[in-house]
C-alpha atoms as a PDB file:
ATOM      1  CA  MET A   1     168.702  -9.548   8.888  1.00  0.00           C
ATOM      2  CA  HIS A   2     169.166 -13.273   9.340  1.00  0.00           C
ATOM      3  CA  GLU A   3     172.530 -12.905  11.053  1.00  0.00           C
ATOM      4  CA  VAL A   4     171.280 -10.067  13.252  1.00  0.00           C
ATOM      5  CA  LEU A   5     168.534 -12.371  14.513  1.00  0.00           C
ATOM      6  CA  HIS A   6     171.142 -15.025  15.328  1.00  0.00           C
ATOM      7  CA  ALA A   7     172.955 -12.455  17.467  1.00  0.00           C
ATOM      8  CA  TYR A   8     169.668 -11.433  19.108  1.00  0.00           C
ATOM      9  CA  PHE A   9     168.787 -15.051  19.913  1.00  0.00           C
ATOM     10  CA  LYS A  10     172.274 -15.668  21.266  1.00  0.00           C
ATOM     11  CA  ALA A  11     171.861 -12.675  23.586  1.00  0.00           C
ATOM     12  CA  LEU A  12     168.608 -14.292  24.788  1.00  0.00           C
ATOM     13  CA  ASN A  13     170.375 -17.665  25.151  1.00  0.00           C
ATOM     14  CA  VAL A  14     168.166 -19.276  22.498  1.00  0.00           C
ATOM     15  CA  ASN A  15     170.162 -22.100  20.945  1.00  0.00           C
ATOM     16  CA  PRO A  16     171.035 -24.280  19.059  1.00  0.00           C
ATOM     17  CA  LEU A  17     171.102 -23.108  15.450  1.00  0.00           C
ATOM     18  CA  MET A  18     168.095 -25.218  14.419  1.00  0.00           C
ATOM     19  CA  GLU A  19     166.049 -23.606  17.161  1.00  0.00           C
ATOM     20  CA  ASP A  20     167.065 -20.171  15.852  1.00  0.00           C
ATOM     21  CA  HIS A  21     165.966 -21.066  12.346  1.00  0.00           C
ATOM     22  CA  ASN A  22     162.655 -22.482  13.528  1.00  0.00           C
ATOM     23  CA  GLU A  23     161.983 -19.285  15.469  1.00  0.00           C
ATOM     24  CA  MET A  24     162.889 -17.166  12.440  1.00  0.00           C
ATOM     25  CA  GLY A  25     160.635 -19.194  10.161  1.00  0.00           C
ATOM     26  CA  LEU A  26     157.713 -19.103  12.561  1.00  0.00           C
ATOM     27  CA  LEU A  27     157.873 -15.509  13.719  1.00  0.00           C
ATOM     28  CA  TYR A  28     160.269 -13.341  11.747  1.00  0.00           C
ATOM     29  CA  VAL A  29     159.999 -13.966   7.983  1.00  0.00           C
ATOM     30  CA  ASP A  30     157.557 -11.086   7.491  1.00  0.00           C
ATOM     31  CA  GLU A  31     159.652  -8.770   9.649  1.00  0.00           C
ATOM     32  CA  MET A  32     162.831  -9.707   7.776  1.00  0.00           C
ATOM     33  CA  ALA A  33     161.044  -9.109   4.472  1.00  0.00           C
ATOM     34  CA  ALA A  34     159.896  -5.685   5.711  1.00  0.00           C
ATOM     35  CA  GLY A  35     163.484  -4.868   6.693  1.00  0.00           C
ATOM     36  CA  ILE A  36     164.740  -5.885   3.259  1.00  0.00           C
ATOM     37  CA  ARG A  37     162.150  -3.585   1.664  1.00  0.00           C
ATOM     38  CA  GLU A  38     163.219  -0.703   3.890  1.00  0.00           C
ATOM     39  CA  VAL A  39     166.812  -1.067   2.703  1.00  0.00           C
ATOM     40  CA  TYR A  40     165.830  -1.857  -0.906  1.00  0.00           C
ATOM     41  CA  PRO A  41     162.497  -0.087  -1.538  1.00  0.00           C
ATOM     42  CA  SER A  42     162.328  -1.127  -5.189  1.00  0.00           C
ATOM     43  CA  ILE A  43     162.277  -4.861  -4.387  1.00  0.00           C
ATOM     44  CA  SER A  44     158.880  -6.533  -4.651  1.00  0.00           C
ATOM     45  CA  ALA A  45     157.162  -7.850  -1.549  1.00  0.00           C
ATOM     46  CA  ASP A  46     157.300 -11.391  -2.983  1.00  0.00           C
ATOM     47  CA  ASP A  47     161.034 -11.194  -3.669  1.00  0.00           C
ATOM     48  CA  ALA A  48     161.741  -9.732  -0.229  1.00  0.00           C
ATOM     49  CA  LYS A  49     159.787 -12.547   1.423  1.00  0.00           C
ATOM     50  CA  ALA A  50     161.592 -15.137  -0.692  1.00  0.00           C
ATOM     51  CA  LEU A  51     164.961 -13.695   0.346  1.00  0.00           C
ATOM     52  CA  ALA A  52     163.839 -13.654   3.972  1.00  0.00           C
ATOM     53  CA  TRP A  53     163.337 -17.415   3.734  1.00  0.00           C
ATOM     54  CA  GLY A  54     166.971 -17.807   2.640  1.00  0.00           C
ATOM     55  CA  GLY A  55     168.919 -20.020   5.007  1.00  0.00           C
ATOM     56  CA  LEU A  56     165.778 -21.390   6.673  1.00  0.00           C
ATOM     57  CA  HIS A  57     165.269 -24.361   4.366  1.00  0.00           C
ATOM     58  CA  GLU A  58     165.965 -26.922   7.076  1.00  0.00           C
ATOM     59  CA  SER A  59     163.537 -25.464   9.618  1.00  0.00           C
ATOM     60  CA  TYR A  60     160.211 -26.994  10.582  1.00  0.00           C
ATOM     61  CA  SER A  61     158.487 -23.884   9.272  1.00  0.00           C
ATOM     62  CA  TRP A  62     160.028 -24.405   5.844  1.00  0.00           C
ATOM     63  CA  LEU A  63     159.070 -28.096   5.820  1.00  0.00           C
ATOM     64  CA  ASN A  64     155.515 -27.082   6.673  1.00  0.00           C
ATOM     65  CA  LEU A  65     155.519 -24.561   3.809  1.00  0.00           C
ATOM     66  CA  VAL A  66     156.752 -27.240   1.401  1.00  0.00           C
ATOM     67  CA  ARG A  67     153.985 -29.559   2.589  1.00  0.00           C
ATOM     68  CA  THR A  68     151.191 -26.994   2.402  1.00  0.00           C
ATOM     69  CA  SER A  69     152.363 -25.009  -0.634  1.00  0.00           C
ATOM     70  CA  PRO A  70     154.919 -26.901  -2.710  1.00  0.00           C
ATOM     71  CA  THR A  71     154.523 -24.501  -5.644  1.00  0.00           C
ATOM     72  CA  GLY A  72     155.079 -21.486  -3.367  1.00  0.00           C
ATOM     73  CA  ALA A  73     158.124 -23.125  -1.791  1.00  0.00           C
ATOM     74  CA  GLN A  74     159.609 -23.858  -5.217  1.00  0.00           C
ATOM     75  CA  SER A  75     159.033 -20.240  -6.250  1.00  0.00           C
ATOM     76  CA  ILE A  76     160.965 -19.105  -3.151  1.00  0.00           C
ATOM     77  CA  ILE A  77     163.841 -21.449  -4.027  1.00  0.00           C
ATOM     78  CA  ASP A  78     163.885 -20.207  -7.624  1.00  0.00           C
ATOM     79  CA  LYS A  79     163.907 -16.539  -6.563  1.00  0.00           C
ATOM     80  CA  ASN A  80     166.771 -17.140  -4.109  1.00  0.00           C
ATOM     81  CA  LYS A  81     168.773 -18.871  -6.839  1.00  0.00           C
ATOM     82  CA  ALA A  82     168.151 -16.007  -9.270  1.00  0.00           C
ATOM     83  CA  TYR A  83     169.448 -13.459  -6.741  1.00  0.00           C
ATOM     84  CA  LYS A  84     172.480 -15.592  -5.874  1.00  0.00           C
ATOM     85  CA  ARG A  85     173.357 -15.967  -9.569  1.00  0.00           C
ATOM     86  CA  GLY A  86     172.943 -12.243 -10.225  1.00  0.00           C
ATOM     87  CA  GLN A  87     169.965 -12.817 -12.534  1.00  0.00           C
ATOM     88  CA  SER A  88     167.755 -10.691 -10.271  1.00  0.00           C
ATOM     89  CA  GLY A  89     168.496  -7.624  -8.204  1.00  0.00           C
ATOM     90  CA  THR A  90     171.587  -5.479  -8.425  1.00  0.00           C
ATOM     91  CA  LYS A  91     174.858  -7.357  -8.356  1.00  0.00           C
ATOM     92  CA  CYS A  92     177.289  -6.293  -5.618  1.00  0.00           C
ATOM     93  CA  ASN A  93     180.827  -5.316  -6.580  1.00  0.00           C
END
């Protein structure tokens, strides 16, 4: 979903990368999470939203989340790590 949005923004001439990530964090996290749940219906809403935040940790939206909800931000980081390590989800072959 993340990479598809990069292509979409490029088609709209929205650049640079940081601007893309800020736009994603501000406007598209919920939509990306919904897309993840469509593809993987058994994933929880919280996990899908955490995965949607993946790759956006340098955006202004993420920094605002860390400031306003440090515990929530840490939970997102922990969930992303668990999926990357294969401790959550279904490991790809």
